[in-house]
Amino acid sequence: MKELTRTTKALSQKTVDITATNLCFKYNQEHSVLTDINLSIFTREKVGLIGANGAGKTTLFLAICGILTPTYGEIKICARLVNPGEFRPEIGLVFQNPSDQLFCPTVRDDIAFGPENMGLSPEIVQERVNTALSLTGVSHLIDRIPHHLSGGEKCMVAIASVLAMQPQIILYDEPSANLDLKARRRLIKFLQASPETIVISSHDLELILEVCERVILLNQGRVIADGIPQEIMGDRNLMENNNLEVPHSLTHSH
């Protein structure tokens, strides 16, 4: 019977990775940035988060990570309540600007930073650095100075610095911003193959279409639609009413 309980618990924890319940956030008393957000994101799901500028996408990410304290409501990561300011190794955030994430003298130091601060042994830290470099294809950059790298290289090194902590969930904030076509294509292939639960906030709707099996549309801090990307992003009225355009590939798919 104990075994059954443990198995059931394990299954329930694996099923849902992120839960937001009645989530609200205000930067000041007058302006609500997030209003009544209710959503569940499941293990290994790839979810796109779309919306015009100011829709609340980055604020939602920061609340999920515990960087911002909700005004009301709660967030659970892997079935455990998020306490603001608490380090949660299960979740990683890749910032919109990789330069905000890379601050060490070398690429190796940047990727080792997270595992070192988790208190891991030097051997395990080195193993994680090598694995993250290999996964992102940037092993050749290990001794380079991060701020000397190209946009595409910085992007992959920033992702490697999060992967080294081996999170179960990764939030990507505008990952393809400032990438050239080749770097963007490489990023898309990488995201398609990612085994983690991933949520991607992006204005690059074609990337969302290629990578995600679900999309959540935000407008003025509210969830307007949640479902299949082709259906939501192919709905011209819905998209235009929320200050977005139908992706080019969907305008010719009918």
C-alpha atoms as a PDB file:
ATOM      1  CA  MET A   1       0.000   0.000   0.000  1.00  0.00           C
ATOM      2  CA  LYS A   2       2.882   2.341   0.811  1.00  0.00           C
ATOM      3  CA  GLU A   3       4.365   1.612  -2.610  1.00  0.00           C
ATOM      4  CA  LEU A   4       1.076   2.522  -4.296  1.00  0.00           C
ATOM      5  CA  THR A   5       0.887   5.820  -2.395  1.00  0.00           C
ATOM      6  CA  ARG A   6       4.449   6.693  -3.344  1.00  0.00           C
ATOM      7  CA  THR A   7       3.823   5.833  -7.005  1.00  0.00           C
ATOM      8  CA  THR A   8       0.623   7.888  -7.074  1.00  0.00           C
ATOM      9  CA  LYS A   9       2.421  10.832  -5.496  1.00  0.00           C
ATOM     10  CA  ALA A  10       5.281  10.558  -7.987  1.00  0.00           C
ATOM     11  CA  LEU A  11       2.818  10.496 -10.885  1.00  0.00           C
ATOM     12  CA  SER A  12       0.915  13.525  -9.604  1.00  0.00           C
ATOM     13  CA  GLN A  13       4.147  15.495  -9.189  1.00  0.00           C
ATOM     14  CA  LYS A  14       5.315  14.569 -12.674  1.00  0.00           C
ATOM     15  CA  THR A  15       2.036  15.515 -14.288  1.00  0.00           C
ATOM     16  CA  VAL A  16       1.960  19.261 -13.577  1.00  0.00           C
ATOM     17  CA  ASP A  17       5.145  21.337 -13.380  1.00  0.00           C
ATOM     18  CA  ILE A  18       3.689  24.855 -13.001  1.00  0.00           C
ATOM     19  CA  THR A  19       0.339  25.877 -11.510  1.00  0.00           C
ATOM     20  CA  ALA A  20      -0.863  29.466 -11.159  1.00  0.00           C
ATOM     21  CA  THR A  21      -4.078  29.979  -9.194  1.00  0.00           C
ATOM     22  CA  ASN A  22      -5.961  33.322  -9.162  1.00  0.00           C
ATOM     23  CA  LEU A  23      -2.625  35.053  -9.745  1.00  0.00           C
ATOM     24  CA  CYS A  24      -2.654  38.854  -9.593  1.00  0.00           C
ATOM     25  CA  PHE A  25       0.214  41.324  -9.550  1.00  0.00           C
ATOM     26  CA  LYS A  26       0.345  45.115  -9.213  1.00  0.00           C
ATOM     27  CA  TYR A  27       3.494  47.251  -9.363  1.00  0.00           C
ATOM     28  CA  ASN A  28       1.514  49.922  -7.519  1.00  0.00           C
ATOM     29  CA  GLN A  29      -2.009  50.193  -6.195  1.00  0.00           C
ATOM     30  CA  GLU A  30      -3.467  51.611  -9.408  1.00  0.00           C
ATOM     31  CA  HIS A  31      -2.116  49.400 -12.159  1.00  0.00           C
ATOM     32  CA  SER A  32      -2.749  45.639 -12.398  1.00  0.00           C
ATOM     33  CA  VAL A  33      -0.133  43.913 -14.548  1.00  0.00           C
ATOM     34  CA  LEU A  34      -1.526  40.391 -14.042  1.00  0.00           C
ATOM     35  CA  THR A  35      -5.199  39.709 -13.310  1.00  0.00           C
ATOM     36  CA  ASP A  36      -6.722  36.368 -12.308  1.00  0.00           C
ATOM     37  CA  ILE A  37      -4.229  34.104 -14.087  1.00  0.00           C
ATOM     38  CA  ASN A  38      -5.191  30.431 -13.785  1.00  0.00           C
ATOM     39  CA  LEU A  39      -3.108  27.923 -15.682  1.00  0.00           C
ATOM     40  CA  SER A  40      -1.318  24.593 -15.449  1.00  0.00           C
ATOM     41  CA  ILE A  41       1.748  23.635 -17.461  1.00  0.00           C
ATOM     42  CA  PHE A  42       2.472  19.944 -17.743  1.00  0.00           C
ATOM     43  CA  THR A  43       5.699  17.978 -17.609  1.00  0.00           C
ATOM     44  CA  ARG A  44       7.710  18.117 -20.869  1.00  0.00           C
ATOM     45  CA  GLU A  45       5.162  20.430 -22.468  1.00  0.00           C
ATOM     46  CA  LYS A  46       6.416  23.127 -24.854  1.00  0.00           C
ATOM     47  CA  VAL A  47       4.267  26.223 -24.398  1.00  0.00           C
ATOM     48  CA  GLY A  48       4.396  29.558 -26.214  1.00  0.00           C
ATOM     49  CA  LEU A  49       3.437  32.759 -24.385  1.00  0.00           C
ATOM     50  CA  ILE A  50       2.363  35.517 -26.769  1.00  0.00           C
ATOM     51  CA  GLY A  51       0.969  39.023 -26.444  1.00  0.00           C
ATOM     52  CA  ALA A  52       1.726  42.598 -27.435  1.00  0.00           C
ATOM     53  CA  ASN A  53       4.267  44.670 -25.497  1.00  0.00           C
ATOM     54  CA  GLY A  54       3.005  45.297 -21.975  1.00  0.00           C
ATOM     55  CA  ALA A  55       0.746  42.218 -21.967  1.00  0.00           C
ATOM     56  CA  GLY A  56       2.426  40.914 -18.787  1.00  0.00           C
ATOM     57  CA  LYS A  57       4.606  38.116 -20.206  1.00  0.00           C
ATOM     58  CA  THR A  58       7.876  38.985 -18.462  1.00  0.00           C
ATOM     59  CA  THR A  59       6.056  39.825 -15.219  1.00  0.00           C
ATOM     60  CA  LEU A  60       4.433  36.375 -15.288  1.00  0.00           C
ATOM     61  CA  PHE A  61       7.872  34.760 -15.747  1.00  0.00           C
ATOM     62  CA  LEU A  62       9.347  36.735 -12.842  1.00  0.00           C
ATOM     63  CA  ALA A  63       6.408  35.763 -10.602  1.00  0.00           C
ATOM     64  CA  ILE A  64       6.749  32.069 -11.543  1.00  0.00           C
ATOM     65  CA  CYS A  65      10.460  32.204 -10.632  1.00  0.00           C
ATOM     66  CA  GLY A  66       9.755  33.865  -7.283  1.00  0.00           C
ATOM     67  CA  ILE A  67      11.561  37.086  -8.234  1.00  0.00           C
ATOM     68  CA  LEU A  68       8.297  39.046  -7.888  1.00  0.00           C
ATOM     69  CA  THR A  69       5.808  38.504  -5.056  1.00  0.00           C
ATOM     70  CA  PRO A  70       2.196  38.091  -6.249  1.00  0.00           C
ATOM     71  CA  THR A  71      -0.276  40.655  -4.911  1.00  0.00           C
ATOM     72  CA  TYR A  72      -2.799  37.817  -4.710  1.00  0.00           C
ATOM     73  CA  GLY A  73      -2.998  34.135  -5.584  1.00  0.00           C
ATOM     74  CA  GLU A  74      -0.313  31.475  -5.612  1.00  0.00           C
ATOM     75  CA  ILE A  75       2.160  29.645  -7.805  1.00  0.00           C
ATOM     76  CA  LYS A  76       3.345  26.089  -7.391  1.00  0.00           C
ATOM     77  CA  ILE A  77       6.436  24.596  -9.035  1.00  0.00           C
ATOM     78  CA  CYS A  78       6.502  20.787  -9.058  1.00  0.00           C
ATOM     79  CA  ALA A  79       3.566  20.760  -6.584  1.00  0.00           C
ATOM     80  CA  ARG A  80       5.397  22.966  -4.053  1.00  0.00           C
ATOM     81  CA  LEU A  81       4.470  26.572  -3.301  1.00  0.00           C
ATOM     82  CA  VAL A  82       6.842  29.226  -4.640  1.00  0.00           C
ATOM     83  CA  ASN A  83       8.220  31.408  -1.841  1.00  0.00           C
ATOM     84  CA  PRO A  84       9.485  34.738  -3.181  1.00  0.00           C
ATOM     85  CA  GLY A  85      13.278  34.962  -3.137  1.00  0.00           C
ATOM     86  CA  GLU A  86      13.793  31.238  -2.530  1.00  0.00           C
ATOM     87  CA  PHE A  87      16.212  29.516  -4.894  1.00  0.00           C
ATOM     88  CA  ARG A  88      14.431  26.726  -6.768  1.00  0.00           C
ATOM     89  CA  PRO A  89      16.845  24.595  -8.828  1.00  0.00           C
ATOM     90  CA  GLU A  90      13.880  22.948 -10.610  1.00  0.00           C
ATOM     91  CA  ILE A  91      13.324  26.082 -12.682  1.00  0.00           C
ATOM     92  CA  GLY A  92      15.633  28.214 -14.842  1.00  0.00           C
ATOM     93  CA  LEU A  93      15.067  31.531 -16.603  1.00  0.00           C
ATOM     94  CA  VAL A  94      16.904  32.572 -19.779  1.00  0.00           C
ATOM     95  CA  PHE A  95      16.782  36.376 -19.908  1.00  0.00           C
ATOM     96  CA  GLN A  96      15.815  38.342 -23.017  1.00  0.00           C
ATOM     97  CA  ASN A  97      19.259  39.967 -23.110  1.00  0.00           C
ATOM     98  CA  PRO A  98      21.987  37.327 -22.591  1.00  0.00           C
ATOM     99  CA  SER A  99      24.378  40.081 -21.467  1.00  0.00           C
ATOM    100  CA  ASP A 100      22.223  40.422 -18.312  1.00  0.00           C
ATOM    101  CA  GLN A 101      23.013  36.786 -17.557  1.00  0.00           C
ATOM    102  CA  LEU A 102      26.708  36.593 -18.449  1.00  0.00           C
ATOM    103  CA  PHE A 103      28.993  38.439 -16.028  1.00  0.00           C
ATOM    104  CA  CYS A 104      32.019  36.202 -15.358  1.00  0.00           C
ATOM    105  CA  PRO A 105      35.543  36.485 -16.889  1.00  0.00           C
ATOM    106  CA  THR A 106      35.130  33.384 -19.102  1.00  0.00           C
ATOM    107  CA  VAL A 107      32.388  31.218 -20.584  1.00  0.00           C
ATOM    108  CA  ARG A 108      33.533  28.349 -18.323  1.00  0.00           C
ATOM    109  CA  ASP A 109      33.110  30.534 -15.215  1.00  0.00           C
ATOM    110  CA  ASP A 110      29.634  31.662 -16.268  1.00  0.00           C
ATOM    111  CA  ILE A 111      28.394  28.110 -16.836  1.00  0.00           C
ATOM    112  CA  ALA A 112      30.003  26.878 -13.586  1.00  0.00           C
ATOM    113  CA  PHE A 113      28.483  29.714 -11.528  1.00  0.00           C
ATOM    114  CA  GLY A 114      25.072  28.078 -10.925  1.00  0.00           C
ATOM    115  CA  PRO A 115      26.317  24.569 -10.035  1.00  0.00           C
ATOM    116  CA  GLU A 116      29.020  26.053  -7.756  1.00  0.00           C
ATOM    117  CA  ASN A 117      26.379  28.044  -5.882  1.00  0.00           C
ATOM    118  CA  MET A 118      24.316  24.868  -5.505  1.00  0.00           C
ATOM    119  CA  GLY A 119      27.218  23.538  -3.401  1.00  0.00           C
ATOM    120  CA  LEU A 120      28.193  20.761  -5.808  1.00  0.00           C
ATOM    121  CA  SER A 121      31.674  19.207  -5.755  1.00  0.00           C
ATOM    122  CA  PRO A 122      34.290  20.525  -8.254  1.00  0.00           C
ATOM    123  CA  GLU A 123      34.105  17.213 -10.150  1.00  0.00           C
ATOM    124  CA  ILE A 124      30.324  17.406 -10.585  1.00  0.00           C
ATOM    125  CA  VAL A 125      30.538  21.104 -11.493  1.00  0.00           C
ATOM    126  CA  GLN A 126      33.068  20.289 -14.231  1.00  0.00           C
ATOM    127  CA  GLU A 127      30.894  17.434 -15.497  1.00  0.00           C
ATOM    128  CA  ARG A 128      27.851  19.712 -15.667  1.00  0.00           C
ATOM    129  CA  VAL A 129      29.823  22.451 -17.447  1.00  0.00           C
ATOM    130  CA  ASN A 130      31.037  19.967 -20.077  1.00  0.00           C
ATOM    131  CA  THR A 131      27.541  18.519 -20.553  1.00  0.00           C
ATOM    132  CA  ALA A 132      25.936  21.964 -20.941  1.00  0.00           C
ATOM    133  CA  LEU A 133      28.639  23.063 -23.402  1.00  0.00           C
ATOM    134  CA  SER A 134      28.137  19.913 -25.431  1.00  0.00           C
ATOM    135  CA  LEU A 135      24.318  20.185 -25.485  1.00  0.00           C
ATOM    136  CA  THR A 136      24.434  23.783 -26.724  1.00  0.00           C
ATOM    137  CA  GLY A 137      27.316  23.197 -29.160  1.00  0.00           C
ATOM    138  CA  VAL A 138      29.579  25.872 -27.679  1.00  0.00           C
ATOM    139  CA  SER A 139      32.439  23.757 -26.246  1.00  0.00           C
ATOM    140  CA  HIS A 140      34.903  25.670 -28.442  1.00  0.00           C
ATOM    141  CA  LEU A 141      34.019  28.913 -26.604  1.00  0.00           C
ATOM    142  CA  ILE A 142      34.942  27.653 -23.112  1.00  0.00           C
ATOM    143  CA  ASP A 143      37.876  30.052 -22.570  1.00  0.00           C
ATOM    144  CA  ARG A 144      36.377  33.054 -24.374  1.00  0.00           C
ATOM    145  CA  ILE A 145      35.315  36.310 -22.709  1.00  0.00           C
ATOM    146  CA  PRO A 146      31.464  36.331 -22.797  1.00  0.00           C
ATOM    147  CA  HIS A 147      31.017  39.980 -23.824  1.00  0.00           C
ATOM    148  CA  HIS A 148      33.263  39.400 -26.872  1.00  0.00           C
ATOM    149  CA  LEU A 149      30.879  36.774 -28.296  1.00  0.00           C
ATOM    150  CA  SER A 150      28.344  37.233 -31.106  1.00  0.00           C
ATOM    151  CA  GLY A 151      24.619  37.488 -30.337  1.00  0.00           C
ATOM    152  CA  GLY A 152      24.007  33.856 -31.271  1.00  0.00           C
ATOM    153  CA  GLU A 153      26.969  32.641 -29.210  1.00  0.00           C
ATOM    154  CA  LYS A 154      25.863  34.663 -26.172  1.00  0.00           C
ATOM    155  CA  CYS A 155      22.358  33.222 -26.488  1.00  0.00           C
ATOM    156  CA  MET A 156      23.603  29.607 -26.458  1.00  0.00           C
ATOM    157  CA  VAL A 157      26.073  30.285 -23.602  1.00  0.00           C
ATOM    158  CA  ALA A 158      23.260  31.867 -21.541  1.00  0.00           C
ATOM    159  CA  ILE A 159      21.156  28.736 -22.183  1.00  0.00           C
ATOM    160  CA  ALA A 160      24.145  26.539 -21.214  1.00  0.00           C
ATOM    161  CA  SER A 161      24.501  28.453 -17.929  1.00  0.00           C
ATOM    162  CA  VAL A 162      20.889  27.514 -17.087  1.00  0.00           C
ATOM    163  CA  LEU A 163      21.203  23.903 -18.344  1.00  0.00           C
ATOM    164  CA  ALA A 164      24.206  23.354 -16.043  1.00  0.00           C
ATOM    165  CA  MET A 165      21.821  23.565 -13.076  1.00  0.00           C
ATOM    166  CA  GLN A 166      19.779  20.761 -14.687  1.00  0.00           C
ATOM    167  CA  PRO A 167      16.364  22.369 -14.138  1.00  0.00           C
ATOM    168  CA  GLN A 168      13.186  20.462 -14.934  1.00  0.00           C
ATOM    169  CA  ILE A 169      11.542  23.632 -16.287  1.00  0.00           C
ATOM    170  CA  ILE A 170      13.082  26.427 -18.393  1.00  0.00           C
ATOM    171  CA  LEU A 171      11.458  29.776 -19.151  1.00  0.00           C
ATOM    172  CA  TYR A 172      12.798  31.538 -22.264  1.00  0.00           C
ATOM    173  CA  ASP A 173      12.162  35.300 -22.547  1.00  0.00           C
ATOM    174  CA  GLU A 174      12.422  36.357 -26.230  1.00  0.00           C
ATOM    175  CA  PRO A 175      15.218  33.853 -26.995  1.00  0.00           C
ATOM    176  CA  SER A 176      15.462  34.697 -30.722  1.00  0.00           C
ATOM    177  CA  ALA A 177      15.685  38.482 -30.276  1.00  0.00           C
ATOM    178  CA  ASN A 178      18.794  39.859 -32.025  1.00  0.00           C
ATOM    179  CA  LEU A 179      19.756  36.530 -33.629  1.00  0.00           C
ATOM    180  CA  ASP A 180      20.720  36.214 -37.292  1.00  0.00           C
ATOM    181  CA  LEU A 181      18.919  33.607 -39.419  1.00  0.00           C
ATOM    182  CA  LYS A 182      21.527  30.878 -38.913  1.00  0.00           C
ATOM    183  CA  ALA A 183      21.645  31.316 -35.116  1.00  0.00           C
ATOM    184  CA  ARG A 184      17.835  31.434 -34.969  1.00  0.00           C
ATOM    185  CA  ARG A 185      17.543  28.185 -36.953  1.00  0.00           C
ATOM    186  CA  ARG A 186      20.024  26.523 -34.590  1.00  0.00           C
ATOM    187  CA  LEU A 187      18.053  27.767 -31.579  1.00  0.00           C
ATOM    188  CA  ILE A 188      14.795  26.374 -33.023  1.00  0.00           C
ATOM    189  CA  LYS A 189      16.366  22.928 -33.554  1.00  0.00           C
ATOM    190  CA  PHE A 190      17.770  23.029 -30.022  1.00  0.00           C
ATOM    191  CA  LEU A 191      14.374  23.949 -28.506  1.00  0.00           C
ATOM    192  CA  GLN A 192      12.557  21.273 -30.533  1.00  0.00           C
ATOM    193  CA  ALA A 193      14.889  18.626 -29.085  1.00  0.00           C
ATOM    194  CA  SER A 194      14.813  19.924 -25.481  1.00  0.00           C
ATOM    195  CA  PRO A 195      13.615  17.309 -22.972  1.00  0.00           C
ATOM    196  CA  GLU A 196      12.675  19.905 -20.326  1.00  0.00           C
ATOM    197  CA  THR A 197       9.305  21.541 -19.764  1.00  0.00           C
ATOM    198  CA  ILE A 198       9.713  24.843 -21.612  1.00  0.00           C
ATOM    199  CA  VAL A 199       7.722  28.065 -21.798  1.00  0.00           C
ATOM    200  CA  ILE A 200       8.787  30.548 -24.473  1.00  0.00           C
ATOM    201  CA  SER A 201       7.682  34.175 -24.388  1.00  0.00           C
ATOM    202  CA  SER A 202       8.233  35.595 -27.855  1.00  0.00           C
ATOM    203  CA  HIS A 203       7.142  38.040 -30.546  1.00  0.00           C
ATOM    204  CA  ASP A 204       8.691  35.559 -33.011  1.00  0.00           C
ATOM    205  CA  LEU A 205       5.427  33.767 -33.764  1.00  0.00           C
ATOM    206  CA  GLU A 206       6.962  31.537 -36.440  1.00  0.00           C
ATOM    207  CA  LEU A 207       9.373  30.175 -33.795  1.00  0.00           C
ATOM    208  CA  ILE A 208       6.403  29.482 -31.498  1.00  0.00           C
ATOM    209  CA  LEU A 209       4.665  27.616 -34.339  1.00  0.00           C
ATOM    210  CA  GLU A 210       7.738  25.459 -34.991  1.00  0.00           C
ATOM    211  CA  VAL A 211       8.532  24.630 -31.369  1.00  0.00           C
ATOM    212  CA  CYS A 212       5.347  24.727 -29.279  1.00  0.00           C
ATOM    213  CA  GLU A 213       2.351  22.408 -29.080  1.00  0.00           C
ATOM    214  CA  ARG A 214       0.334  24.913 -27.038  1.00  0.00           C
ATOM    215  CA  VAL A 215       0.068  28.685 -26.905  1.00  0.00           C
ATOM    216  CA  ILE A 216      -1.228  31.065 -24.235  1.00  0.00           C
ATOM    217  CA  LEU A 217      -2.313  34.532 -25.390  1.00  0.00           C
ATOM    218  CA  LEU A 218      -2.072  37.343 -22.831  1.00  0.00           C
ATOM    219  CA  ASN A 219      -3.535  40.827 -23.114  1.00  0.00           C
ATOM    220  CA  GLN A 220      -3.335  43.444 -20.353  1.00  0.00           C
ATOM    221  CA  GLY A 221      -2.402  40.775 -17.836  1.00  0.00           C
ATOM    222  CA  ARG A 222      -5.267  38.390 -18.607  1.00  0.00           C
ATOM    223  CA  VAL A 223      -5.295  35.009 -20.356  1.00  0.00           C
ATOM    224  CA  ILE A 224      -7.380  35.589 -23.495  1.00  0.00           C
ATOM    225  CA  ALA A 225      -6.844  32.216 -25.191  1.00  0.00           C
ATOM    226  CA  ASP A 226      -5.068  28.950 -24.410  1.00  0.00           C
ATOM    227  CA  GLY A 227      -4.840  26.128 -26.913  1.00  0.00           C
ATOM    228  CA  ILE A 228      -3.424  24.837 -30.196  1.00  0.00           C
ATOM    229  CA  PRO A 229      -1.007  27.377 -31.765  1.00  0.00           C
ATOM    230  CA  GLN A 230      -2.330  27.025 -35.339  1.00  0.00           C
ATOM    231  CA  GLU A 231      -5.923  27.615 -34.199  1.00  0.00           C
ATOM    232  CA  ILE A 232      -5.217  30.591 -31.940  1.00  0.00           C
ATOM    233  CA  MET A 233      -2.616  32.312 -34.107  1.00  0.00           C
ATOM    234  CA  GLY A 234      -4.561  31.540 -37.285  1.00  0.00           C
ATOM    235  CA  ASP A 235      -7.658  33.381 -35.968  1.00  0.00           C
ATOM    236  CA  ARG A 236      -7.320  36.798 -37.616  1.00  0.00           C
ATOM    237  CA  ASN A 237     -10.009  38.505 -35.519  1.00  0.00           C
ATOM    238  CA  LEU A 238      -8.602  37.188 -32.257  1.00  0.00           C
ATOM    239  CA  MET A 239      -5.047  38.191 -33.159  1.00  0.00           C
ATOM    240  CA  GLU A 240      -5.962  41.687 -34.413  1.00  0.00           C
ATOM    241  CA  ASN A 241      -8.193  42.344 -31.385  1.00  0.00           C
ATOM    242  CA  ASN A 242      -5.123  41.654 -29.229  1.00  0.00           C
ATOM    243  CA  ASN A 243      -2.718  43.821 -31.265  1.00  0.00           C
ATOM    244  CA  LEU A 244      -1.002  40.909 -32.983  1.00  0.00           C
ATOM    245  CA  GLU A 245      -0.763  39.713 -36.577  1.00  0.00           C
ATOM    246  CA  VAL A 246      -1.362  36.234 -37.962  1.00  0.00           C
ATOM    247  CA  PRO A 247       2.042  34.626 -38.681  1.00  0.00           C
ATOM    248  CA  HIS A 248       2.928  34.726 -42.370  1.00  0.00           C
ATOM    249  CA  SER A 249       3.054  30.916 -42.693  1.00  0.00           C
ATOM    250  CA  LEU A 250      -0.580  30.630 -41.504  1.00  0.00           C
ATOM    251  CA  THR A 251      -1.933  33.232 -43.924  1.00  0.00           C
ATOM    252  CA  HIS A 252      -1.109  30.840 -46.801  1.00  0.00           C
ATOM    253  CA  SER A 253      -1.998  27.551 -45.120  1.00  0.00           C
ATOM    254  CA  HIS A 254      -5.680  27.488 -46.058  1.00  0.00           C
END
